[in-house]
PDB file of N, CA and C in Angstrom:
ATOM      1  N   MET A   1     -21.265  62.379  94.091  1.00  0.00           N
ATOM      2  CA  MET A   1     -22.035  61.307  94.664  1.00  0.00           C
ATOM      3  C   MET A   1     -22.728  60.550  93.541  1.00  0.00           C
ATOM      4  N   MET A   2     -22.718  59.241  93.592  1.00  0.00           N
ATOM      5  CA  MET A   2     -23.319  58.406  92.572  1.00  0.00           C
ATOM      6  C   MET A   2     -24.786  58.152  92.873  1.00  0.00           C
ATOM      7  N   GLU A   3     -25.639  58.289  91.844  1.00  0.00           N
ATOM      8  CA  GLU A   3     -27.070  58.062  92.016  1.00  0.00           C
ATOM      9  C   GLU A   3     -27.381  56.602  91.684  1.00  0.00           C
ATOM     10  N   ILE A   4     -28.104  55.915  92.530  1.00  0.00           N
ATOM     11  CA  ILE A   4     -28.501  54.537  92.294  1.00  0.00           C
ATOM     12  C   ILE A   4     -30.012  54.522  92.098  1.00  0.00           C
ATOM     13  N   THR A   5     -30.436  53.976  90.971  1.00  0.00           N
ATOM     14  CA  THR A   5     -31.871  53.897  90.694  1.00  0.00           C
ATOM     15  C   THR A   5     -32.255  52.459  90.419  1.00  0.00           C
ATOM     16  N   LYS A   6     -33.423  52.074  90.824  1.00  0.00           N
ATOM     17  CA  LYS A   6     -33.936  50.733  90.618  1.00  0.00           C
ATOM     18  C   LYS A   6     -34.905  50.799  89.438  1.00  0.00           C
ATOM     19  N   VAL A   7     -34.473  50.349  88.262  1.00  0.00           N
ATOM     20  CA  VAL A   7     -35.248  50.524  87.038  1.00  0.00           C
ATOM     21  C   VAL A   7     -36.161  49.331  86.769  1.00  0.00           C
ATOM     22  N   ASN A   8     -35.702  48.139  86.995  1.00  0.00           N
ATOM     23  CA  ASN A   8     -36.447  46.945  86.593  1.00  0.00           C
ATOM     24  C   ASN A   8     -37.299  46.354  87.713  1.00  0.00           C
ATOM     25  N   SER A   9     -38.003  47.199  88.413  1.00  0.00           N
ATOM     26  CA  SER A   9     -38.833  46.701  89.500  1.00  0.00           C
ATOM     27  C   SER A   9     -40.189  47.376  89.469  1.00  0.00           C
ATOM     28  N   PRO A  10     -41.270  46.606  89.625  1.00  0.00           N
ATOM     29  CA  PRO A  10     -42.593  47.228  89.688  1.00  0.00           C
ATOM     30  C   PRO A  10     -42.771  48.042  90.959  1.00  0.00           C
ATOM     31  N   LEU A  11     -41.880  47.895  91.915  1.00  0.00           N
ATOM     32  CA  LEU A  11     -41.973  48.641  93.169  1.00  0.00           C
ATOM     33  C   LEU A  11     -41.269  49.987  93.096  1.00  0.00           C
ATOM     34  N   SER A  12     -40.728  50.339  91.938  1.00  0.00           N
ATOM     35  CA  SER A  12     -39.906  51.543  91.837  1.00  0.00           C
ATOM     36  C   SER A  12     -40.654  52.799  92.274  1.00  0.00           C
ATOM     37  N   ALA A  13     -41.938  52.912  92.017  1.00  0.00           N
ATOM     38  CA  ALA A  13     -42.695  54.095  92.432  1.00  0.00           C
ATOM     39  C   ALA A  13     -42.816  54.147  93.956  1.00  0.00           C
ATOM     40  N   GLU A  14     -42.898  52.995  94.575  1.00  0.00           N
ATOM     41  CA  GLU A  14     -43.083  52.949  96.029  1.00  0.00           C
ATOM     42  C   GLU A  14     -41.809  53.227  96.802  1.00  0.00           C
ATOM     43  N   VAL A  15     -40.668  52.987  96.209  1.00  0.00           N
ATOM     44  CA  VAL A  15     -39.423  53.180  96.944  1.00  0.00           C
ATOM     45  C   VAL A  15     -38.761  54.514  96.645  1.00  0.00           C
ATOM     46  N   GLY A  16     -39.458  55.382  95.924  1.00  0.00           N
ATOM     47  CA  GLY A  16     -38.968  56.742  95.742  1.00  0.00           C
ATOM     48  C   GLY A  16     -37.938  56.912  94.649  1.00  0.00           C
ATOM     49  N   VAL A  17     -37.962  56.114  93.617  1.00  0.00           N
ATOM     50  CA  VAL A  17     -37.034  56.259  92.513  1.00  0.00           C
ATOM     51  C   VAL A  17     -37.446  57.490  91.725  1.00  0.00           C
ATOM     52  N   ASN A  18     -36.477  58.159  91.144  1.00  0.00           N
ATOM     53  CA  ASN A  18     -36.796  59.403  90.433  1.00  0.00           C
ATOM     54  C   ASN A  18     -37.709  59.169  89.240  1.00  0.00           C
ATOM     55  N   LYS A  19     -38.371  60.199  88.767  1.00  0.00           N
ATOM     56  CA  LYS A  19     -39.390  60.122  87.716  1.00  0.00           C
ATOM     57  C   LYS A  19     -38.812  59.599  86.399  1.00  0.00           C
ATOM     58  N   ARG A  20     -37.582  59.966  86.069  1.00  0.00           N
ATOM     59  CA  ARG A  20     -36.966  59.527  84.815  1.00  0.00           C
ATOM     60  C   ARG A  20     -36.829  58.003  84.791  1.00  0.00           C
ATOM     61  N   ALA A  21     -36.413  57.399  85.870  1.00  0.00           N
ATOM     62  CA  ALA A  21     -36.259  55.955  85.939  1.00  0.00           C
ATOM     63  C   ALA A  21     -37.617  55.272  85.829  1.00  0.00           C
ATOM     64  N   GLN A  22     -38.650  55.840  86.420  1.00  0.00           N
ATOM     65  CA  GLN A  22     -39.991  55.259  86.339  1.00  0.00           C
ATOM     66  C   GLN A  22     -40.484  55.260  84.889  1.00  0.00           C
ATOM     67  N   THR A  23     -40.267  56.356  84.193  1.00  0.00           N
ATOM     68  CA  THR A  23     -40.697  56.472  82.805  1.00  0.00           C
ATOM     69  C   THR A  23     -39.953  55.458  81.940  1.00  0.00           C
ATOM     70  N   HIS A  24     -38.647  55.306  82.194  1.00  0.00           N
ATOM     71  CA  HIS A  24     -37.837  54.350  81.445  1.00  0.00           C
ATOM     72  C   HIS A  24     -38.381  52.936  81.647  1.00  0.00           C
ATOM     73  N   TYR A  25     -38.695  52.569  82.867  1.00  0.00           N
ATOM     74  CA  TYR A  25     -39.212  51.238  83.171  1.00  0.00           C
ATOM     75  C   TYR A  25     -40.551  51.017  82.474  1.00  0.00           C
ATOM     76  N   GLN A  26     -41.438  51.994  82.518  1.00  0.00           N
ATOM     77  CA  GLN A  26     -42.752  51.852  81.893  1.00  0.00           C
ATOM     78  C   GLN A  26     -42.617  51.701  80.388  1.00  0.00           C
ATOM     79  N   ARG A  27     -41.711  52.462  79.772  1.00  0.00           N
ATOM     80  CA  ARG A  27     -41.503  52.385  78.329  1.00  0.00           C
ATOM     81  C   ARG A  27     -40.983  50.996  77.945  1.00  0.00           C
ATOM     82  N   ASP A  28     -40.027  50.457  78.699  1.00  0.00           N
ATOM     83  CA  ASP A  28     -39.503  49.126  78.427  1.00  0.00           C
ATOM     84  C   ASP A  28     -40.589  48.070  78.571  1.00  0.00           C
ATOM     85  N   GLU A  29     -41.426  48.219  79.579  1.00  0.00           N
ATOM     86  CA  GLU A  29     -42.496  47.255  79.828  1.00  0.00           C
ATOM     87  C   GLU A  29     -43.504  47.264  78.679  1.00  0.00           C
ATOM     88  N   GLN A  30     -43.826  48.455  78.155  1.00  0.00           N
ATOM     89  CA  GLN A  30     -44.764  48.562  77.050  1.00  0.00           C
ATOM     90  C   GLN A  30     -44.187  47.938  75.784  1.00  0.00           C
ATOM     91  N   GLN A  31     -42.892  48.130  75.551  1.00  0.00           N
ATOM     92  CA  GLN A  31     -42.256  47.576  74.357  1.00  0.00           C
ATOM     93  C   GLN A  31     -42.171  46.060  74.433  1.00  0.00           C
ATOM     94  N   ALA A  32     -42.126  45.510  75.627  1.00  0.00           N
ATOM     95  CA  ALA A  32     -41.978  44.073  75.793  1.00  0.00           C
ATOM     96  C   ALA A  32     -43.287  43.327  75.540  1.00  0.00           C
ATOM     97  N   LYS A  33     -44.434  44.003  75.561  1.00  0.00           N
ATOM     98  CA  LYS A  33     -45.715  43.343  75.350  1.00  0.00           C
ATOM     99  C   LYS A  33     -45.833  42.932  73.883  1.00  0.00           C
ATOM    100  N   PRO A  34     -46.151  41.654  73.634  1.00  0.00           N
ATOM    101  CA  PRO A  34     -46.257  41.205  72.254  1.00  0.00           C
ATOM    102  C   PRO A  34     -47.524  41.736  71.584  1.00  0.00           C
ATOM    103  N   ASN A  35     -47.444  41.908  70.289  1.00  0.00           N
ATOM    104  CA  ASN A  35     -48.588  42.309  69.491  1.00  0.00           C
ATOM    105  C   ASN A  35     -49.480  41.081  69.334  1.00  0.00           C
ATOM    106  N   PRO A  36     -50.744  41.129  69.782  1.00  0.00           N
ATOM    107  CA  PRO A  36     -51.607  39.937  69.731  1.00  0.00           C
ATOM    108  C   PRO A  36     -51.763  39.357  68.328  1.00  0.00           C
ATOM    109  N   SER A  37     -51.900  40.204  67.316  1.00  0.00           N
ATOM    110  CA  SER A  37     -52.068  39.667  65.959  1.00  0.00           C
ATOM    111  C   SER A  37     -50.778  39.025  65.459  1.00  0.00           C
ATOM    112  N   ALA A  38     -49.632  39.587  65.811  1.00  0.00           N
ATOM    113  CA  ALA A  38     -48.348  38.991  65.415  1.00  0.00           C
ATOM    114  C   ALA A  38     -48.150  37.660  66.121  1.00  0.00           C
ATOM    115  N   THR A  39     -48.555  37.593  67.386  1.00  0.00           N
ATOM    116  CA  THR A  39     -48.432  36.348  68.146  1.00  0.00           C
ATOM    117  C   THR A  39     -49.306  35.275  67.535  1.00  0.00           C
ATOM    118  N   LYS A  40     -50.539  35.621  67.151  1.00  0.00           N
ATOM    119  CA  LYS A  40     -51.453  34.660  66.544  1.00  0.00           C
ATOM    120  C   LYS A  40     -50.896  34.170  65.220  1.00  0.00           C
ATOM    121  N   SER A  41     -50.374  35.095  64.411  1.00  0.00           N
ATOM    122  CA  SER A  41     -49.815  34.730  63.117  1.00  0.00           C
ATOM    123  C   SER A  41     -48.630  33.785  63.293  1.00  0.00           C
ATOM    124  N   ALA A  42     -47.756  34.100  64.236  1.00  0.00           N
ATOM    125  CA  ALA A  42     -46.592  33.243  64.489  1.00  0.00           C
ATOM    126  C   ALA A  42     -47.054  31.881  64.988  1.00  0.00           C
ATOM    127  N   SER A  43     -48.077  31.862  65.825  1.00  0.00           N
ATOM    128  CA  SER A  43     -48.598  30.612  66.350  1.00  0.00           C
ATOM    129  C   SER A  43     -49.184  29.759  65.228  1.00  0.00           C
ATOM    130  N   ASP A  44     -49.941  30.394  64.325  1.00  0.00           N
ATOM    131  CA  ASP A  44     -50.510  29.667  63.190  1.00  0.00           C
ATOM    132  C   ASP A  44     -49.412  29.097  62.303  1.00  0.00           C
ATOM    133  N   ASP A  45     -48.394  29.900  62.033  1.00  0.00           N
ATOM    134  CA  ASP A  45     -47.266  29.448  61.209  1.00  0.00           C
ATOM    135  C   ASP A  45     -46.559  28.272  61.876  1.00  0.00           C
ATOM    136  N   TRP A  46     -46.378  28.371  63.185  1.00  0.00           N
ATOM    137  CA  TRP A  46     -45.700  27.305  63.925  1.00  0.00           C
ATOM    138  C   TRP A  46     -46.500  26.009  63.837  1.00  0.00           C
ATOM    139  N   GLN A  47     -47.825  26.103  63.958  1.00  0.00           N
ATOM    140  CA  GLN A  47     -48.670  24.906  63.870  1.00  0.00           C
ATOM    141  C   GLN A  47     -48.572  24.266  62.487  1.00  0.00           C
ATOM    142  N   LEU A  48     -48.573  25.089  61.438  1.00  0.00           N
ATOM    143  CA  LEU A  48     -48.432  24.545  60.086  1.00  0.00           C
ATOM    144  C   LEU A  48     -47.095  23.838  59.901  1.00  0.00           C
ATOM    145  N   LEU A  49     -46.036  24.455  60.403  1.00  0.00           N
ATOM    146  CA  LEU A  49     -44.714  23.834  60.304  1.00  0.00           C
ATOM    147  C   LEU A  49     -44.664  22.527  61.084  1.00  0.00           C
ATOM    148  N   ASP A  50     -45.259  22.528  62.253  1.00  0.00           N
ATOM    149  CA  ASP A  50     -45.269  21.336  63.092  1.00  0.00           C
ATOM    150  C   ASP A  50     -46.035  20.202  62.406  1.00  0.00           C
ATOM    151  N   GLN A  51     -47.145  20.540  61.748  1.00  0.00           N
ATOM    152  CA  GLN A  51     -47.927  19.534  61.034  1.00  0.00           C
ATOM    153  C   GLN A  51     -47.178  19.008  59.811  1.00  0.00           C
ATOM    154  N   ALA A  52     -46.356  19.839  59.196  1.00  0.00           N
ATOM    155  CA  ALA A  52     -45.642  19.449  57.975  1.00  0.00           C
ATOM    156  C   ALA A  52     -44.398  18.615  58.264  1.00  0.00           C
ATOM    157  N   LYS A  53     -43.910  18.629  59.490  1.00  0.00           N
ATOM    158  CA  LYS A  53     -42.667  17.910  59.820  1.00  0.00           C
ATOM    159  C   LYS A  53     -42.663  16.450  59.379  1.00  0.00           C
ATOM    160  N   PRO A  54     -43.696  15.660  59.712  1.00  0.00           N
ATOM    161  CA  PRO A  54     -43.659  14.245  59.308  1.00  0.00           C
ATOM    162  C   PRO A  54     -43.607  14.069  57.792  1.00  0.00           C
ATOM    163  N   GLN A  55     -44.347  14.901  57.064  1.00  0.00           N
ATOM    164  CA  GLN A  55     -44.345  14.804  55.607  1.00  0.00           C
ATOM    165  C   GLN A  55     -42.979  15.195  55.045  1.00  0.00           C
ATOM    166  N   LEU A  56     -42.383  16.244  55.599  1.00  0.00           N
ATOM    167  CA  LEU A  56     -41.070  16.680  55.134  1.00  0.00           C
ATOM    168  C   LEU A  56     -40.001  15.634  55.433  1.00  0.00           C
ATOM    169  N   ALA A  57     -40.142  14.952  56.554  1.00  0.00           N
ATOM    170  CA  ALA A  57     -39.154  13.936  56.928  1.00  0.00           C
ATOM    171  C   ALA A  57     -39.155  12.772  55.939  1.00  0.00           C
ATOM    172  N   GLN A  58     -40.275  12.547  55.258  1.00  0.00           N
ATOM    173  CA  GLN A  58     -40.370  11.439  54.305  1.00  0.00           C
ATOM    174  C   GLN A  58     -39.785  11.788  52.940  1.00  0.00           C
ATOM    175  N   LEU A  59     -39.585  13.067  52.675  1.00  0.00           N
ATOM    176  CA  LEU A  59     -39.042  13.484  51.385  1.00  0.00           C
ATOM    177  C   LEU A  59     -37.533  13.298  51.345  1.00  0.00           C
ATOM    178  N   ALA A  60     -37.051  12.896  50.185  1.00  0.00           N
ATOM    179  CA  ALA A  60     -35.609  12.797  50.002  1.00  0.00           C
ATOM    180  C   ALA A  60     -35.039  14.206  49.899  1.00  0.00           C
ATOM    181  N   GLU A  61     -33.832  14.391  50.400  1.00  0.00           N
ATOM    182  CA  GLU A  61     -33.215  15.710  50.335  1.00  0.00           C
ATOM    183  C   GLU A  61     -32.843  16.084  48.907  1.00  0.00           C
ATOM    184  N   VAL A  62     -32.575  15.076  48.087  1.00  0.00           N
ATOM    185  CA  VAL A  62     -32.174  15.304  46.698  1.00  0.00           C
ATOM    186  C   VAL A  62     -33.055  14.432  45.807  1.00  0.00           C
ATOM    187  N   ASP A  63     -33.583  15.031  44.759  1.00  0.00           N
ATOM    188  CA  ASP A  63     -34.375  14.285  43.775  1.00  0.00           C
ATOM    189  C   ASP A  63     -33.397  13.626  42.806  1.00  0.00           C
ATOM    190  N   SER A  64     -33.067  12.378  43.069  1.00  0.00           N
ATOM    191  CA  SER A  64     -32.048  11.659  42.296  1.00  0.00           C
ATOM    192  C   SER A  64     -32.413  11.548  40.821  1.00  0.00           C
ATOM    193  N   ASP A  65     -33.699  11.358  40.525  1.00  0.00           N
ATOM    194  CA  ASP A  65     -34.121  11.248  39.118  1.00  0.00           C
ATOM    195  C   ASP A  65     -33.875  12.555  38.377  1.00  0.00           C
ATOM    196  N   LYS A  66     -34.166  13.663  39.050  1.00  0.00           N
ATOM    197  CA  LYS A  66     -33.968  14.970  38.413  1.00  0.00           C
ATOM    198  C   LYS A  66     -32.477  15.228  38.186  1.00  0.00           C
ATOM    199  N   VAL A  67     -31.650  14.874  39.163  1.00  0.00           N
ATOM    200  CA  VAL A  67     -30.204  15.052  39.030  1.00  0.00           C
ATOM    201  C   VAL A  67     -29.678  14.209  37.866  1.00  0.00           C
ATOM    202  N   SER A  68     -30.155  12.969  37.757  1.00  0.00           N
ATOM    203  CA  SER A  68     -29.729  12.100  36.645  1.00  0.00           C
ATOM    204  C   SER A  68     -30.123  12.697  35.306  1.00  0.00           C
ATOM    205  N   GLY A  69     -31.351  13.214  35.241  1.00  0.00           N
ATOM    206  CA  GLY A  69     -31.819  13.830  34.003  1.00  0.00           C
ATOM    207  C   GLY A  69     -30.987  15.033  33.613  1.00  0.00           C
ATOM    208  N   LEU A  70     -30.645  15.863  34.590  1.00  0.00           N
ATOM    209  CA  LEU A  70     -29.815  17.039  34.322  1.00  0.00           C
ATOM    210  C   LEU A  70     -28.408  16.628  33.879  1.00  0.00           C
ATOM    211  N   ARG A  71     -27.843  15.641  34.539  1.00  0.00           N
ATOM    212  CA  ARG A  71     -26.498  15.161  34.148  1.00  0.00           C
ATOM    213  C   ARG A  71     -26.505  14.636  32.719  1.00  0.00           C
ATOM    214  N   GLN A  72     -27.563  13.892  32.388  1.00  0.00           N
ATOM    215  CA  GLN A  72     -27.667  13.339  31.035  1.00  0.00           C
ATOM    216  C   GLN A  72     -27.809  14.460  30.010  1.00  0.00           C
ATOM    217  N   ALA A  73     -28.635  15.473  30.309  1.00  0.00           N
ATOM    218  CA  ALA A  73     -28.830  16.588  29.384  1.00  0.00           C
ATOM    219  C   ALA A  73     -27.535  17.370  29.177  1.00  0.00           C
ATOM    220  N   ILE A  74     -26.772  17.539  30.241  1.00  0.00           N
ATOM    221  CA  ILE A  74     -25.487  18.242  30.125  1.00  0.00           C
ATOM    222  C   ILE A  74     -24.521  17.413  29.277  1.00  0.00           C
ATOM    223  N   ALA A  75     -24.481  16.107  29.554  1.00  0.00           N
ATOM    224  CA  ALA A  75     -23.582  15.224  28.801  1.00  0.00           C
ATOM    225  C   ALA A  75     -23.948  15.184  27.317  1.00  0.00           C
ATOM    226  N   ASN A  76     -25.255  15.231  27.015  1.00  0.00           N
ATOM    227  CA  ASN A  76     -25.723  15.185  25.621  1.00  0.00           C
ATOM    228  C   ASN A  76     -25.628  16.530  24.924  1.00  0.00           C
ATOM    229  N   GLY A  77     -25.420  17.585  25.681  1.00  0.00           N
ATOM    230  CA  GLY A  77     -25.391  18.921  25.111  1.00  0.00           C
ATOM    231  C   GLY A  77     -26.783  19.489  24.864  1.00  0.00           C
ATOM    232  N   THR A  78     -27.799  18.895  25.474  1.00  0.00           N
ATOM    233  CA  THR A  78     -29.175  19.354  25.268  1.00  0.00           C
ATOM    234  C   THR A  78     -29.683  20.253  26.407  1.00  0.00           C
ATOM    235  N   PHE A  79     -28.873  20.466  27.409  1.00  0.00           N
ATOM    236  CA  PHE A  79     -29.279  21.324  28.540  1.00  0.00           C
ATOM    237  C   PHE A  79     -29.167  22.777  28.114  1.00  0.00           C
ATOM    238  N   ARG A  80     -30.263  23.489  28.179  1.00  0.00           N
ATOM    239  CA  ARG A  80     -30.300  24.894  27.779  1.00  0.00           C
ATOM    240  C   ARG A  80     -30.810  25.735  28.947  1.00  0.00           C
ATOM    241  N   ILE A  81     -30.269  26.926  29.067  1.00  0.00           N
ATOM    242  CA  ILE A  81     -30.698  27.871  30.100  1.00  0.00           C
ATOM    243  C   ILE A  81     -31.364  29.047  29.412  1.00  0.00           C
ATOM    244  N   ASP A  82     -32.604  29.328  29.785  1.00  0.00           N
ATOM    245  CA  ASP A  82     -33.343  30.465  29.242  1.00  0.00           C
ATOM    246  C   ASP A  82     -33.312  31.577  30.295  1.00  0.00           C
ATOM    247  N   ILE A  83     -32.391  32.517  30.112  1.00  0.00           N
ATOM    248  CA  ILE A  83     -32.209  33.607  31.074  1.00  0.00           C
ATOM    249  C   ILE A  83     -33.492  34.421  31.234  1.00  0.00           C
ATOM    250  N   GLY A  84     -34.211  34.658  30.149  1.00  0.00           N
ATOM    251  CA  GLY A  84     -35.465  35.405  30.212  1.00  0.00           C
ATOM    252  C   GLY A  84     -36.498  34.712  31.081  1.00  0.00           C
ATOM    253  N   GLU A  85     -36.604  33.401  30.956  1.00  0.00           N
ATOM    254  CA  GLU A  85     -37.550  32.632  31.773  1.00  0.00           C
ATOM    255  C   GLU A  85     -37.157  32.674  33.248  1.00  0.00           C
ATOM    256  N   ILE A  86     -35.870  32.596  33.509  1.00  0.00           N
ATOM    257  CA  ILE A  86     -35.389  32.681  34.895  1.00  0.00           C
ATOM    258  C   ILE A  86     -35.718  34.054  35.480  1.00  0.00           C
ATOM    259  N   ALA A  87     -35.475  35.104  34.708  1.00  0.00           N
ATOM    260  CA  ALA A  87     -35.763  36.462  35.180  1.00  0.00           C
ATOM    261  C   ALA A  87     -37.255  36.648  35.459  1.00  0.00           C
ATOM    262  N   GLU A  88     -38.105  36.136  34.568  1.00  0.00           N
ATOM    263  CA  GLU A  88     -39.550  36.241  34.782  1.00  0.00           C
ATOM    264  C   GLU A  88     -39.982  35.498  36.040  1.00  0.00           C
ATOM    265  N   ALA A  89     -39.435  34.318  36.253  1.00  0.00           N
ATOM    266  CA  ALA A  89     -39.765  33.544  37.445  1.00  0.00           C
ATOM    267  C   ALA A  89     -39.329  34.284  38.717  1.00  0.00           C
ATOM    268  N   MET A  90     -38.157  34.919  38.661  1.00  0.00           N
ATOM    269  CA  MET A  90     -37.673  35.684  39.815  1.00  0.00           C
ATOM    270  C   MET A  90     -38.590  36.860  40.103  1.00  0.00           C
ATOM    271  N   LEU A  91     -39.033  37.520  39.046  1.00  0.00           N
ATOM    272  CA  LEU A  91     -39.948  38.659  39.241  1.00  0.00           C
ATOM    273  C   LEU A  91     -41.292  38.204  39.802  1.00  0.00           C
ATOM    274  N   ARG A  92     -41.800  37.086  39.316  1.00  0.00           N
ATOM    275  CA  ARG A  92     -43.066  36.557  39.851  1.00  0.00           C
ATOM    276  C   ARG A  92     -42.918  36.200  41.332  1.00  0.00           C
ATOM    277  N   GLN A  93     -41.785  35.595  41.670  1.00  0.00           N
ATOM    278  CA  GLN A  93     -41.563  35.134  43.039  1.00  0.00           C
ATOM    279  C   GLN A  93     -41.288  36.279  44.000  1.00  0.00           C
ATOM    280  N   HIS A  94     -40.475  37.237  43.583  1.00  0.00           N
ATOM    281  CA  HIS A  94     -39.998  38.276  44.502  1.00  0.00           C
ATOM    282  C   HIS A  94     -40.515  39.675  44.194  1.00  0.00           C
ATOM    283  N   GLY A  95     -41.217  39.819  43.095  1.00  0.00           N
ATOM    284  CA  GLY A  95     -41.814  41.113  42.760  1.00  0.00           C
ATOM    285  C   GLY A  95     -40.834  42.054  42.254  1.00  0.00           C
TER     286      GLY A  95
END
């Protein structure tokens, strides 16, 4: 015989569902509740992003002057890469 249990209902205790199904439902319900501090942090981040949208929309996707300068340096043979400086910057940024 197949057992049918109603797991996703707040009425499960009233309709005689077995204890295991009730515990499962309560555990899922507890996990679904958001952490208030995480919600606040996400909300603050969202507000900052929303405020920055107009400013970001005004920026060019590519800094044409910088690209021209890099192309010229490569063409002149004056473009140099300092691997040590790159590594230090990566460590500062990412720890």
